[in-house]
Amino acid sequence: MDNLPLHPAIVHLPLGLIIFAPILSLLFLFYFKDLVNFKRNWLIVVFLHLFVMGGALVAKKTGEIEEERVEKIIGHHEIHEHEEKAEFFIVLSIVFFLVSGAVLAPNKTAVRKGLQYTLLLGQLGLIAVGINVGHSGGEMVFSQGKLNVGGEIAKPTGQAEEGREDHDD
């Protein structure tokens, strides 16, 4: 159990948390009308984005730590593509963390609502990017049949071998 890689466990934090962001944003768009209560309670959304961003940065670091070992099995190209997608997720998570904080600044309702709608659309986009990143990581582990969940070389079964033969290019 000590040799299990940390990256697969860490990546689920930002991917799982971001799903709650648009739900919270919708609640705040239509539920909180009082500015004092809104600003105090909006910190929940800001901290959620902070955890998404922080989790994504930690996931990047754990991925870099395990990259060399896994690259021997998977190959550089697949890992590089996954890394590029993950970096895009990180950039967006930083941007939307900043936008979530910016929602607290304006006292004008129209400006605040505009930022909230912008953030809501961004959150939906971030979910889509997160799904894409997660899918590319899952492809390396499960579909190619080269790794098991622990990051070790998988022992092929008859069915996995047949699948690989059909997809050699």
Protein backbone atom coordinates (compact mmCIF):
# COMPACT_ATOMS: atom_id res chain seq x y z
CA MET A 1 0.00 0.00 0.00
CA ASP A 2 2.96 2.34 0.55
CA ASN A 3 3.90 2.27 -3.13
CA LEU A 4 0.49 3.47 -4.37
CA PRO A 5 0.92 6.71 -6.31
CA LEU A 6 -0.62 9.82 -4.79
CA HIS A 7 -1.64 11.44 -8.08
CA PRO A 8 -4.76 9.31 -8.76
CA ALA A 9 -6.09 10.10 -5.29
CA ILE A 10 -5.36 13.84 -5.45
CA VAL A 11 -6.83 14.52 -8.91
CA HIS A 12 -10.31 13.64 -7.74
CA LEU A 13 -10.42 16.56 -5.28
CA PRO A 14 -10.61 19.42 -7.82
CA LEU A 15 -12.69 17.37 -10.25
CA GLY A 16 -15.21 16.46 -7.57
CA LEU A 17 -15.42 19.91 -6.02
CA ILE A 18 -15.94 21.86 -9.25
CA ILE A 19 -19.24 20.07 -9.81
CA PHE A 20 -20.70 21.88 -6.78
CA ALA A 21 -19.61 25.35 -7.95
CA PRO A 22 -22.40 26.06 -10.46
CA ILE A 23 -25.01 24.74 -8.03
CA LEU A 24 -23.80 27.17 -5.37
CA SER A 25 -23.56 29.99 -7.89
CA LEU A 26 -27.16 29.45 -8.98
CA LEU A 27 -28.30 29.51 -5.36
CA PHE A 28 -26.51 32.80 -4.79
CA LEU A 29 -27.83 34.32 -8.01
CA PHE A 30 -31.44 33.78 -7.05
CA TYR A 31 -31.54 33.36 -3.27
CA PHE A 32 -29.40 36.04 -1.58
CA LYS A 33 -30.78 39.55 -2.13
CA ASP A 34 -29.28 41.19 0.99
CA LEU A 35 -25.76 42.44 0.15
CA VAL A 36 -24.35 41.96 3.67
CA ASN A 37 -25.48 38.34 3.89
CA PHE A 38 -24.51 37.78 0.28
CA LYS A 39 -20.92 38.91 0.74
CA ARG A 40 -20.46 36.91 3.93
CA ASN A 41 -21.96 33.77 2.42
CA TRP A 42 -20.31 34.18 -1.00
CA LEU A 43 -17.02 33.33 0.71
CA ILE A 44 -18.19 29.71 0.46
CA VAL A 45 -17.91 29.97 -3.33
CA VAL A 46 -14.54 31.73 -3.10
CA PHE A 47 -13.15 29.02 -0.80
CA LEU A 48 -14.58 26.30 -3.04
CA HIS A 49 -12.65 27.81 -5.95
CA LEU A 50 -9.57 28.10 -3.75
CA PHE A 51 -9.76 24.37 -3.00
CA VAL A 52 -10.30 23.54 -6.69
CA MET A 53 -7.29 25.65 -7.65
CA GLY A 54 -5.14 24.31 -4.80
CA GLY A 55 -6.14 20.73 -5.53
CA ALA A 56 -5.30 21.19 -9.20
CA LEU A 57 -1.86 22.59 -8.34
CA VAL A 58 -1.14 19.72 -5.93
CA ALA A 59 -2.35 17.23 -8.57
CA LYS A 60 0.07 18.79 -11.08
CA LYS A 61 2.94 18.39 -8.62
CA THR A 62 2.09 14.75 -7.83
CA GLY A 63 1.76 14.07 -11.56
CA GLU A 64 5.22 15.53 -12.18
CA ILE A 65 6.67 13.36 -9.41
CA GLU A 66 5.25 10.18 -10.98
CA GLU A 67 5.70 11.21 -14.62
CA GLU A 68 9.12 9.66 -15.19
CA ARG A 69 8.10 6.24 -13.88
CA VAL A 70 4.83 6.14 -15.81
CA GLU A 71 6.41 7.56 -18.98
CA LYS A 72 8.45 4.35 -19.32
CA ILE A 73 5.19 2.42 -19.62
CA ILE A 74 2.83 4.80 -21.39
CA GLY A 75 5.11 6.96 -23.49
CA HIS A 76 5.84 10.66 -23.60
CA HIS A 77 3.16 11.71 -26.09
CA GLU A 78 0.14 10.53 -24.10
CA ILE A 79 1.47 11.95 -20.85
CA HIS A 80 2.32 15.27 -22.50
CA GLU A 81 -1.21 15.57 -23.92
CA HIS A 82 -2.70 14.84 -20.49
CA GLU A 83 -0.35 17.36 -18.90
CA GLU A 84 -1.33 20.07 -21.40
CA LYS A 85 -5.02 19.51 -20.69
CA ALA A 86 -4.34 19.61 -16.95
CA GLU A 87 -2.40 22.86 -17.28
CA PHE A 88 -5.37 24.42 -19.09
CA PHE A 89 -7.60 23.30 -16.19
CA ILE A 90 -5.17 24.92 -13.75
CA VAL A 91 -5.12 28.22 -15.65
CA LEU A 92 -8.91 28.31 -15.77
CA SER A 93 -9.18 27.39 -12.09
CA ILE A 94 -6.91 30.33 -11.22
CA VAL A 95 -8.92 32.70 -13.42
CA PHE A 96 -12.24 31.63 -11.94
CA PHE A 97 -10.88 31.78 -8.39
CA LEU A 98 -10.01 35.42 -9.11
CA VAL A 99 -13.43 36.06 -10.66
CA SER A 100 -15.15 34.49 -7.65
CA GLY A 101 -13.24 36.88 -5.40
CA ALA A 102 -14.02 39.83 -7.68
CA VAL A 103 -17.74 39.20 -7.16
CA LEU A 104 -17.27 40.52 -3.61
CA ALA A 105 -15.89 43.90 -4.72
CA PRO A 106 -18.68 45.78 -6.51
CA ASN A 107 -21.54 47.31 -4.56
CA LYS A 108 -23.62 47.72 -7.72
CA THR A 109 -25.99 44.82 -8.17
CA ALA A 110 -25.74 44.84 -11.99
CA VAL A 111 -21.95 44.53 -11.95
CA ARG A 112 -22.04 41.82 -9.30
CA LYS A 113 -24.71 39.87 -11.19
CA GLY A 114 -22.69 40.19 -14.40
CA LEU A 115 -19.65 38.74 -12.67
CA GLN A 116 -21.78 35.96 -11.20
CA TYR A 117 -23.18 35.00 -14.61
CA THR A 118 -19.68 35.11 -16.08
CA LEU A 119 -18.46 32.86 -13.29
CA LEU A 120 -21.37 30.46 -13.76
CA LEU A 121 -20.56 30.03 -17.46
CA GLY A 122 -16.89 29.64 -16.59
CA GLN A 123 -17.70 26.98 -14.01
CA LEU A 124 -19.61 24.97 -16.60
CA GLY A 125 -16.64 25.30 -18.95
CA LEU A 126 -14.27 24.25 -16.18
CA ILE A 127 -16.36 21.14 -15.58
CA ALA A 128 -16.09 20.28 -19.29
CA VAL A 129 -12.31 20.80 -19.23
CA GLY A 130 -12.07 18.72 -16.05
CA ILE A 131 -13.99 15.88 -17.68
CA ASN A 132 -11.60 16.04 -20.63
CA VAL A 133 -8.54 15.93 -18.34
CA GLY A 134 -10.01 13.08 -16.29
CA HIS A 135 -10.90 11.16 -19.43
CA SER A 136 -7.37 11.43 -20.81
CA GLY A 137 -5.95 10.22 -17.48
CA GLY A 138 -8.45 7.38 -17.34
CA GLU A 139 -7.58 6.40 -20.90
CA MET A 140 -3.95 5.93 -19.91
CA VAL A 141 -4.86 3.76 -16.94
CA PHE A 142 -7.84 1.75 -18.11
CA SER A 143 -8.28 1.78 -21.90
CA GLN A 144 -4.72 1.21 -23.02
CA GLY A 145 -4.34 -1.65 -20.56
CA LYS A 146 -0.71 -0.76 -19.89
CA LEU A 147 -1.14 0.42 -16.29
CA ASN A 148 -3.17 -0.70 -13.36
CA VAL A 149 -4.65 1.82 -10.94
CA GLY A 150 -1.49 1.77 -8.82
CA GLY A 151 0.65 2.94 -11.73
CA GLU A 152 2.37 -0.41 -12.16
CA ILE A 153 2.63 -2.38 -15.38
CA ALA A 154 -0.60 -4.28 -15.84
CA LYS A 155 -0.57 -8.00 -16.35
CA PRO A 156 -2.57 -8.47 -19.55
CA THR A 157 -5.57 -10.73 -19.60
CA GLY A 158 -6.82 -12.44 -22.71
CA GLN A 159 -9.52 -9.87 -23.28
CA ALA A 160 -7.16 -6.91 -22.77
CA GLU A 161 -4.67 -8.45 -25.19
CA GLU A 162 -7.35 -8.84 -27.86
CA GLY A 163 -8.37 -5.19 -27.44
CA ARG A 164 -4.79 -4.01 -27.85
CA GLU A 165 -4.26 -6.06 -30.99
CA ASP A 166 -7.30 -4.47 -32.60
CA HIS A 167 -6.04 -0.95 -31.88
CA ASP A 168 -2.35 -1.09 -32.85
CA ASP A 169 -1.64 1.67 -35.36
